[in-house]
């Protein structure tokens, strides 16, 4: 299946996403540090990144932008617990495949990931 990176400053939230997606057969790599996640993308093939908007050092949109410089083909789903129309529009405009609201619904996450991967793998 796909190689998926999950970046969230709350490690338990990232692990929950990991468990959901590993049950679908994906290889999921979890990070709570932006620099380590970017290093991983630089060194490894990643099909999809799921990134929280609020991180410790950077905004999720900034991380997405850096990842796309390293791997233009990478798909990104940005997630947030503090959604606004402005942040959703900015995320999509800057290249996010989807913008998801936390807490993530298991079925919605699975559908969004499947849709992203079906269109691009």
C-alpha atoms as a PDB file:
ATOM      1  CA  UNK A   1       0.000   0.000   0.000  1.00  0.00           C
ATOM      2  CA  UNK A   2       1.138   3.578   0.638  1.00  0.00           C
ATOM      3  CA  UNK A   3       3.872   5.156   2.720  1.00  0.00           C
ATOM      4  CA  UNK A   4       2.196   7.744   4.954  1.00  0.00           C
ATOM      5  CA  UNK A   5       3.780  10.265   7.317  1.00  0.00           C
ATOM      6  CA  UNK A   6       1.784  11.662  10.243  1.00  0.00           C
ATOM      7  CA  UNK A   7       3.024  14.814  11.979  1.00  0.00           C
ATOM      8  CA  UNK A   8       1.253  16.079  15.086  1.00  0.00           C
ATOM      9  CA  UNK A   9       2.681  17.794  18.149  1.00  0.00           C
ATOM     10  CA  UNK A  10       0.410  15.544  20.243  1.00  0.00           C
ATOM     11  CA  UNK A  11       1.997  12.127  19.747  1.00  0.00           C
ATOM     12  CA  UNK A  12      -1.108  10.267  20.949  1.00  0.00           C
ATOM     13  CA  UNK A  13      -3.165  11.877  18.172  1.00  0.00           C
ATOM     14  CA  UNK A  14      -0.575  10.791  15.597  1.00  0.00           C
ATOM     15  CA  UNK A  15      -0.527   7.253  16.971  1.00  0.00           C
ATOM     16  CA  UNK A  16      -4.320   7.063  16.695  1.00  0.00           C
ATOM     17  CA  UNK A  17      -4.100   7.989  12.995  1.00  0.00           C
ATOM     18  CA  UNK A  18      -1.293   5.445  12.602  1.00  0.00           C
ATOM     19  CA  UNK A  19      -3.414   2.639  14.070  1.00  0.00           C
ATOM     20  CA  UNK A  20      -6.366   3.457  11.822  1.00  0.00           C
ATOM     21  CA  UNK A  21      -4.265   3.541   8.650  1.00  0.00           C
ATOM     22  CA  UNK A  22      -2.077   0.536   9.443  1.00  0.00           C
ATOM     23  CA  UNK A  23      -5.264  -1.546   9.659  1.00  0.00           C
ATOM     24  CA  UNK A  24      -5.805  -0.551   6.018  1.00  0.00           C
ATOM     25  CA  UNK A  25      -2.369  -1.941   5.151  1.00  0.00           C
ATOM     26  CA  UNK A  26      -0.394   1.304   4.931  1.00  0.00           C
ATOM     27  CA  UNK A  27       3.124   1.857   6.278  1.00  0.00           C
ATOM     28  CA  UNK A  28       2.698   4.776   8.676  1.00  0.00           C
ATOM     29  CA  UNK A  29       5.567   6.830  10.113  1.00  0.00           C
ATOM     30  CA  UNK A  30       4.728   9.020  13.111  1.00  0.00           C
ATOM     31  CA  UNK A  31       6.500  12.233  14.110  1.00  0.00           C
ATOM     32  CA  UNK A  32       5.949  14.986  16.666  1.00  0.00           C
ATOM     33  CA  UNK A  33       8.953  17.058  15.539  1.00  0.00           C
ATOM     34  CA  UNK A  34       8.898  19.040  12.300  1.00  0.00           C
ATOM     35  CA  UNK A  35      12.630  18.758  11.625  1.00  0.00           C
ATOM     36  CA  UNK A  36      12.629  14.973  11.979  1.00  0.00           C
ATOM     37  CA  UNK A  37       9.598  14.695   9.704  1.00  0.00           C
ATOM     38  CA  UNK A  38      11.271  16.849   7.043  1.00  0.00           C
ATOM     39  CA  UNK A  39      14.468  14.802   7.290  1.00  0.00           C
ATOM     40  CA  UNK A  40      12.434  11.617   6.839  1.00  0.00           C
ATOM     41  CA  UNK A  41      10.779  13.023   3.706  1.00  0.00           C
ATOM     42  CA  UNK A  42      14.173  14.056   2.347  1.00  0.00           C
ATOM     43  CA  UNK A  43      15.527  10.521   2.794  1.00  0.00           C
ATOM     44  CA  UNK A  44      12.464   8.353   2.074  1.00  0.00           C
ATOM     45  CA  UNK A  45       9.610   8.006  -0.378  1.00  0.00           C
ATOM     46  CA  UNK A  46       6.387   9.267   1.191  1.00  0.00           C
ATOM     47  CA  UNK A  47       3.129   9.144  -0.733  1.00  0.00           C
ATOM     48  CA  UNK A  48       0.989  11.104   1.701  1.00  0.00           C
ATOM     49  CA  UNK A  49       1.628  13.383   4.679  1.00  0.00           C
ATOM     50  CA  UNK A  50      -1.035  14.104   7.277  1.00  0.00           C
ATOM     51  CA  UNK A  51       0.016  17.245   9.120  1.00  0.00           C
ATOM     52  CA  UNK A  52      -1.511  19.124  12.041  1.00  0.00           C
ATOM     53  CA  UNK A  53      -1.830  22.865  11.458  1.00  0.00           C
ATOM     54  CA  UNK A  54      -0.574  23.802  14.944  1.00  0.00           C
ATOM     55  CA  UNK A  55       2.898  22.454  15.639  1.00  0.00           C
ATOM     56  CA  UNK A  56       5.683  23.394  18.033  1.00  0.00           C
ATOM     57  CA  UNK A  57       8.103  25.249  15.742  1.00  0.00           C
ATOM     58  CA  UNK A  58       6.235  25.820  12.492  1.00  0.00           C
ATOM     59  CA  UNK A  59       2.721  26.005  11.134  1.00  0.00           C
ATOM     60  CA  UNK A  60       1.492  22.941   9.260  1.00  0.00           C
ATOM     61  CA  UNK A  61       1.233  24.975   6.053  1.00  0.00           C
ATOM     62  CA  UNK A  62       4.932  25.857   6.352  1.00  0.00           C
ATOM     63  CA  UNK A  63       5.854  22.193   6.807  1.00  0.00           C
ATOM     64  CA  UNK A  64       3.733  21.270   3.791  1.00  0.00           C
ATOM     65  CA  UNK A  65       5.517  23.891   1.725  1.00  0.00           C
ATOM     66  CA  UNK A  66       8.935  22.558   2.758  1.00  0.00           C
ATOM     67  CA  UNK A  67       7.884  18.966   2.024  1.00  0.00           C
ATOM     68  CA  UNK A  68       6.661  19.958  -1.431  1.00  0.00           C
ATOM     69  CA  UNK A  69      10.039  21.582  -2.144  1.00  0.00           C
ATOM     70  CA  UNK A  70      11.692  18.254  -1.288  1.00  0.00           C
ATOM     71  CA  UNK A  71       9.097  16.063  -3.017  1.00  0.00           C
ATOM     72  CA  UNK A  72       6.694  17.986  -5.269  1.00  0.00           C
ATOM     73  CA  UNK A  73       4.563  14.881  -5.782  1.00  0.00           C
ATOM     74  CA  UNK A  74       3.772  14.405  -2.082  1.00  0.00           C
ATOM     75  CA  UNK A  75       0.098  14.600  -1.169  1.00  0.00           C
ATOM     76  CA  UNK A  76      -0.818  16.457   2.007  1.00  0.00           C
ATOM     77  CA  UNK A  77      -3.856  16.399   4.248  1.00  0.00           C
ATOM     78  CA  UNK A  78      -3.816  19.239   6.766  1.00  0.00           C
ATOM     79  CA  UNK A  79      -5.802  18.781   9.961  1.00  0.00           C
ATOM     80  CA  UNK A  80      -6.809  21.231  12.643  1.00  0.00           C
ATOM     81  CA  UNK A  81      -8.816  21.518  15.808  1.00  0.00           C
ATOM     82  CA  UNK A  82      -9.299  25.233  15.123  1.00  0.00           C
ATOM     83  CA  UNK A  83     -10.825  25.454  11.645  1.00  0.00           C
ATOM     84  CA  UNK A  84     -11.482  28.725   9.869  1.00  0.00           C
ATOM     85  CA  UNK A  85     -12.596  29.437   6.327  1.00  0.00           C
ATOM     86  CA  UNK A  86      -9.435  31.444   5.803  1.00  0.00           C
ATOM     87  CA  UNK A  87      -7.091  28.640   6.867  1.00  0.00           C
ATOM     88  CA  UNK A  88      -9.019  26.086   4.796  1.00  0.00           C
ATOM     89  CA  UNK A  89      -8.841  28.289   1.699  1.00  0.00           C
ATOM     90  CA  UNK A  90      -5.137  28.984   2.241  1.00  0.00           C
ATOM     91  CA  UNK A  91      -4.366  25.284   2.734  1.00  0.00           C
ATOM     92  CA  UNK A  92      -6.072  24.266  -0.490  1.00  0.00           C
ATOM     93  CA  UNK A  93      -4.628  27.205  -2.432  1.00  0.00           C
ATOM     94  CA  UNK A  94      -1.095  26.259  -1.337  1.00  0.00           C
ATOM     95  CA  UNK A  95      -1.484  22.648  -2.416  1.00  0.00           C
ATOM     96  CA  UNK A  96      -3.150  20.593   0.298  1.00  0.00           C
ATOM     97  CA  UNK A  97      -5.217  17.722  -1.043  1.00  0.00           C
ATOM     98  CA  UNK A  98      -7.667  18.071   1.848  1.00  0.00           C
ATOM     99  CA  UNK A  99      -8.337  20.010   5.038  1.00  0.00           C
ATOM    100  CA  UNK A 100      -9.746  17.916   7.881  1.00  0.00           C
ATOM    101  CA  UNK A 101     -11.205  18.963  11.205  1.00  0.00           C
ATOM    102  CA  UNK A 102     -10.159  17.342  14.484  1.00  0.00           C
ATOM    103  CA  UNK A 103     -11.209  15.253  16.190  1.00  0.00           C
ATOM    104  CA  UNK A 104     -10.872  13.100  13.117  1.00  0.00           C
ATOM    105  CA  UNK A 105     -13.705  10.770  12.274  1.00  0.00           C
ATOM    106  CA  UNK A 106     -12.291   7.303  11.528  1.00  0.00           C
ATOM    107  CA  UNK A 107     -14.465   6.664   8.473  1.00  0.00           C
ATOM    108  CA  UNK A 108     -13.916  10.155   7.082  1.00  0.00           C
ATOM    109  CA  UNK A 109     -10.146   9.796   7.504  1.00  0.00           C
ATOM    110  CA  UNK A 110     -10.176   6.438   5.726  1.00  0.00           C
ATOM    111  CA  UNK A 111     -12.263   7.875   2.851  1.00  0.00           C
ATOM    112  CA  UNK A 112     -10.085  10.965   2.452  1.00  0.00           C
ATOM    113  CA  UNK A 113      -6.882   8.907   2.433  1.00  0.00           C
ATOM    114  CA  UNK A 114      -8.356   6.390  -0.025  1.00  0.00           C
ATOM    115  CA  UNK A 115      -9.518   9.207  -2.314  1.00  0.00           C
ATOM    116  CA  UNK A 116      -6.106  10.895  -2.249  1.00  0.00           C
ATOM    117  CA  UNK A 117      -4.250   7.682  -2.966  1.00  0.00           C
ATOM    118  CA  UNK A 118      -6.673   6.474  -5.639  1.00  0.00           C
ATOM    119  CA  UNK A 119      -6.171   9.660  -7.605  1.00  0.00           C
ATOM    120  CA  UNK A 120      -2.399   9.585  -7.348  1.00  0.00           C
ATOM    121  CA  UNK A 121      -0.956   6.073  -6.982  1.00  0.00           C
END
